[in-house]
Protein backbone atom coordinates (compact mmCIF):
# COMPACT_ATOMS: atom_id res chain seq x y z
CA MET A 1 0.00 0.00 0.00
CA LYS A 2 1.24 3.49 -0.87
CA ASP A 3 1.11 6.57 1.35
CA ASN A 4 -1.57 8.16 -0.81
CA GLU A 5 -3.92 5.15 -0.74
CA TYR A 6 -6.55 4.33 1.87
CA TRP A 7 -8.13 0.88 1.71
CA PHE A 8 -11.59 0.48 3.23
CA GLU A 9 -13.50 -2.67 3.97
CA ASP A 10 -17.28 -2.98 3.67
CA ASN A 11 -19.30 -0.51 5.72
CA SER A 12 -16.27 1.64 6.55
CA TYR A 13 -16.98 5.34 6.86
CA SER A 14 -15.33 7.54 4.25
CA PRO A 15 -15.82 11.26 3.61
CA ILE A 16 -15.05 10.86 -0.11
CA LEU A 17 -17.63 8.12 -0.62
CA ASP A 18 -20.20 10.24 1.25
CA MET A 19 -19.31 13.21 -0.93
CA LEU A 20 -19.61 11.16 -4.12
CA ILE A 21 -23.01 9.84 -3.05
CA ILE A 22 -24.27 13.34 -2.15
CA ALA A 23 -23.02 14.63 -5.52
CA ASP A 24 -24.70 11.63 -7.19
CA PHE A 25 -21.21 10.67 -8.39
CA LYS A 26 -21.30 13.69 -10.74
CA THR A 27 -17.95 15.29 -10.05
CA TYR A 28 -14.45 15.16 -11.52
CA VAL A 29 -13.05 11.78 -10.51
CA VAL A 30 -10.36 9.41 -11.60
CA TYR A 31 -11.25 5.87 -10.62
CA SER A 32 -9.23 2.69 -10.46
CA PHE A 33 -10.42 -0.89 -10.53
CA TYR A 34 -8.40 -3.53 -8.67
CA ASP A 35 -8.59 -7.31 -8.66
CA LYS A 36 -8.80 -9.52 -5.57
CA ASP A 37 -5.02 -9.33 -5.14
CA LYS A 38 -5.17 -5.50 -5.24
CA ASN A 39 -3.51 -5.31 -8.65
CA PRO A 40 -4.72 -2.43 -10.85
CA ILE A 41 -6.77 -3.63 -13.81
CA TYR A 42 -8.24 -0.36 -15.16
CA VAL A 43 -7.94 3.39 -14.61
CA GLY A 44 -10.53 5.81 -15.98
CA LYS A 45 -12.01 9.25 -15.53
CA SER A 46 -15.55 10.52 -15.39
CA ILE A 47 -17.77 13.40 -14.45
CA ASN A 48 -20.70 10.97 -14.11
CA PHE A 49 -19.40 7.78 -12.52
CA VAL A 50 -22.82 6.08 -12.32
CA ASP A 51 -23.24 6.09 -16.10
CA ARG A 52 -19.61 5.19 -16.71
CA TYR A 53 -19.81 2.30 -14.26
CA ASP A 54 -22.82 0.90 -16.09
CA TRP A 55 -20.66 0.84 -19.23
CA HIS A 56 -17.97 -1.14 -17.36
CA ARG A 57 -20.54 -3.69 -16.21
CA ARG A 58 -20.79 -4.87 -19.81
CA LYS A 59 -17.05 -5.43 -20.16
CA PRO A 60 -15.44 -8.88 -19.84
CA TYR A 61 -13.18 -7.73 -16.98
CA TYR A 62 -16.13 -6.63 -14.81
CA GLN A 63 -16.10 -9.90 -12.84
CA GLU A 64 -12.45 -9.31 -11.94
CA ILE A 65 -13.22 -6.02 -10.17
CA GLU A 66 -12.96 -6.48 -6.41
CA TYR A 67 -12.03 -2.94 -5.30
CA ILE A 68 -12.77 0.53 -6.66
CA GLY A 69 -10.63 3.56 -5.89
CA PHE A 70 -11.62 7.20 -6.29
CA ARG A 71 -9.72 10.47 -6.43
CA GLN A 72 -11.58 13.77 -6.76
CA TYR A 73 -10.30 16.76 -8.75
CA ASN A 74 -11.25 20.41 -9.07
CA ASN A 75 -11.59 20.59 -12.86
CA ARG A 76 -11.38 18.65 -16.10
CA ALA A 77 -7.74 19.58 -16.80
CA GLU A 78 -6.55 18.18 -13.45
CA MET A 79 -8.67 15.07 -13.97
CA ASP A 80 -7.29 14.48 -17.49
CA LEU A 81 -3.66 14.83 -16.37
CA ALA A 82 -4.22 12.68 -13.30
CA GLU A 83 -5.73 9.88 -15.37
CA LEU A 84 -2.72 9.79 -17.70
CA PHE A 85 -0.34 9.97 -14.75
CA GLN A 86 -2.05 7.09 -12.95
CA ILE A 87 -2.20 4.92 -16.07
CA GLN A 88 1.52 5.45 -16.64
CA ASN A 89 2.38 4.66 -13.03
CA LYS A 90 -0.02 1.80 -12.34
CA LEU A 91 0.08 0.18 -15.81
CA PRO A 92 -3.35 -1.46 -15.44
CA LYS A 93 -3.73 -4.49 -17.67
CA TYR A 94 -6.95 -3.45 -19.47
CA ASN A 95 -6.07 0.16 -20.35
CA LYS A 96 -5.16 0.44 -24.01
CA SER A 97 -4.47 4.17 -24.27
CA GLY A 98 -2.30 6.31 -22.04
CA LYS A 99 0.56 3.84 -21.71
CA PHE A 100 3.43 5.90 -23.11
CA ASN A 101 7.04 4.96 -23.45
CA GLU A 102 9.57 6.29 -20.95
CA THR A 103 10.36 9.45 -22.92
CA LEU A 104 6.76 10.67 -22.82
CA LYS A 105 6.04 10.12 -19.13
CA LEU A 106 4.46 12.99 -17.21
CA VAL A 107 7.45 13.65 -15.00
CA SER A 108 6.40 17.11 -13.84
CA PHE A 109 2.83 16.29 -12.79
CA GLN A 110 2.40 15.89 -9.05
CA ASP A 111 -0.77 14.21 -7.92
CA PHE A 112 -1.41 15.24 -4.33
CA SER A 113 -4.85 13.68 -4.17
CA LYS A 114 -5.57 10.70 -1.96
CA GLU A 115 -7.10 7.58 -3.42
CA GLU A 116 -9.74 5.94 -1.29
CA ILE A 117 -10.39 2.34 -2.28
CA PHE A 118 -13.56 0.40 -1.44
CA THR A 119 -14.90 -3.05 -2.05
CA ARG A 120 -17.06 -3.28 -5.15
CA SER A 121 -20.03 -4.39 -3.04
CA ASN A 122 -19.77 -1.27 -0.89
CA VAL A 123 -19.93 0.99 -3.96
CA GLU A 124 -22.65 -1.03 -5.68
CA ARG A 125 -24.81 -0.77 -2.56
CA TYR A 126 -25.33 2.86 -3.55
CA PHE A 127 -26.59 1.89 -7.01
CA ASP A 128 -29.00 -0.67 -5.57
CA ASN A 129 -30.61 1.99 -3.35
CA LYS A 130 -31.00 4.49 -6.16
C-alpha cells in the first residue's frame, strides 16, 4: 500500500464516498479498478461515474473487479492529467491508451490527491438503493 492510498473494507466510513453519493457521483473523478489481489486492472475518468460504471458492467473484466478507488479533482484539466499519470504509473492491464514509453512520461505532474479504495459491493450498494 502506498502513502496516498486508503483501503476500506465494507461498511467503513469515508468522507469521499459520502461526498460522491451526495453529488450523485457527478464530479471530476479518476477511478481505479483492482482485482482480488489488489492489482490495478483499469484506470478511468468521469464526471458521471454512475453512467460510466454501467458501461464497465458490460465489459469482460467486470467480474475481476474487487475494489474501486476514487480520487476527486477540481476541474477537467486536473482530472485528465491525473488519469494519464495514474495509467503510466499503475500500468493497469486493461487500459489500451495512455501507456506511453519512458520518454513521454508525465514527469512534472504531481498528484497530491488521496485515493480511497472500497470493495465493489460497498460501492454497488449505492446503485442498488437508487
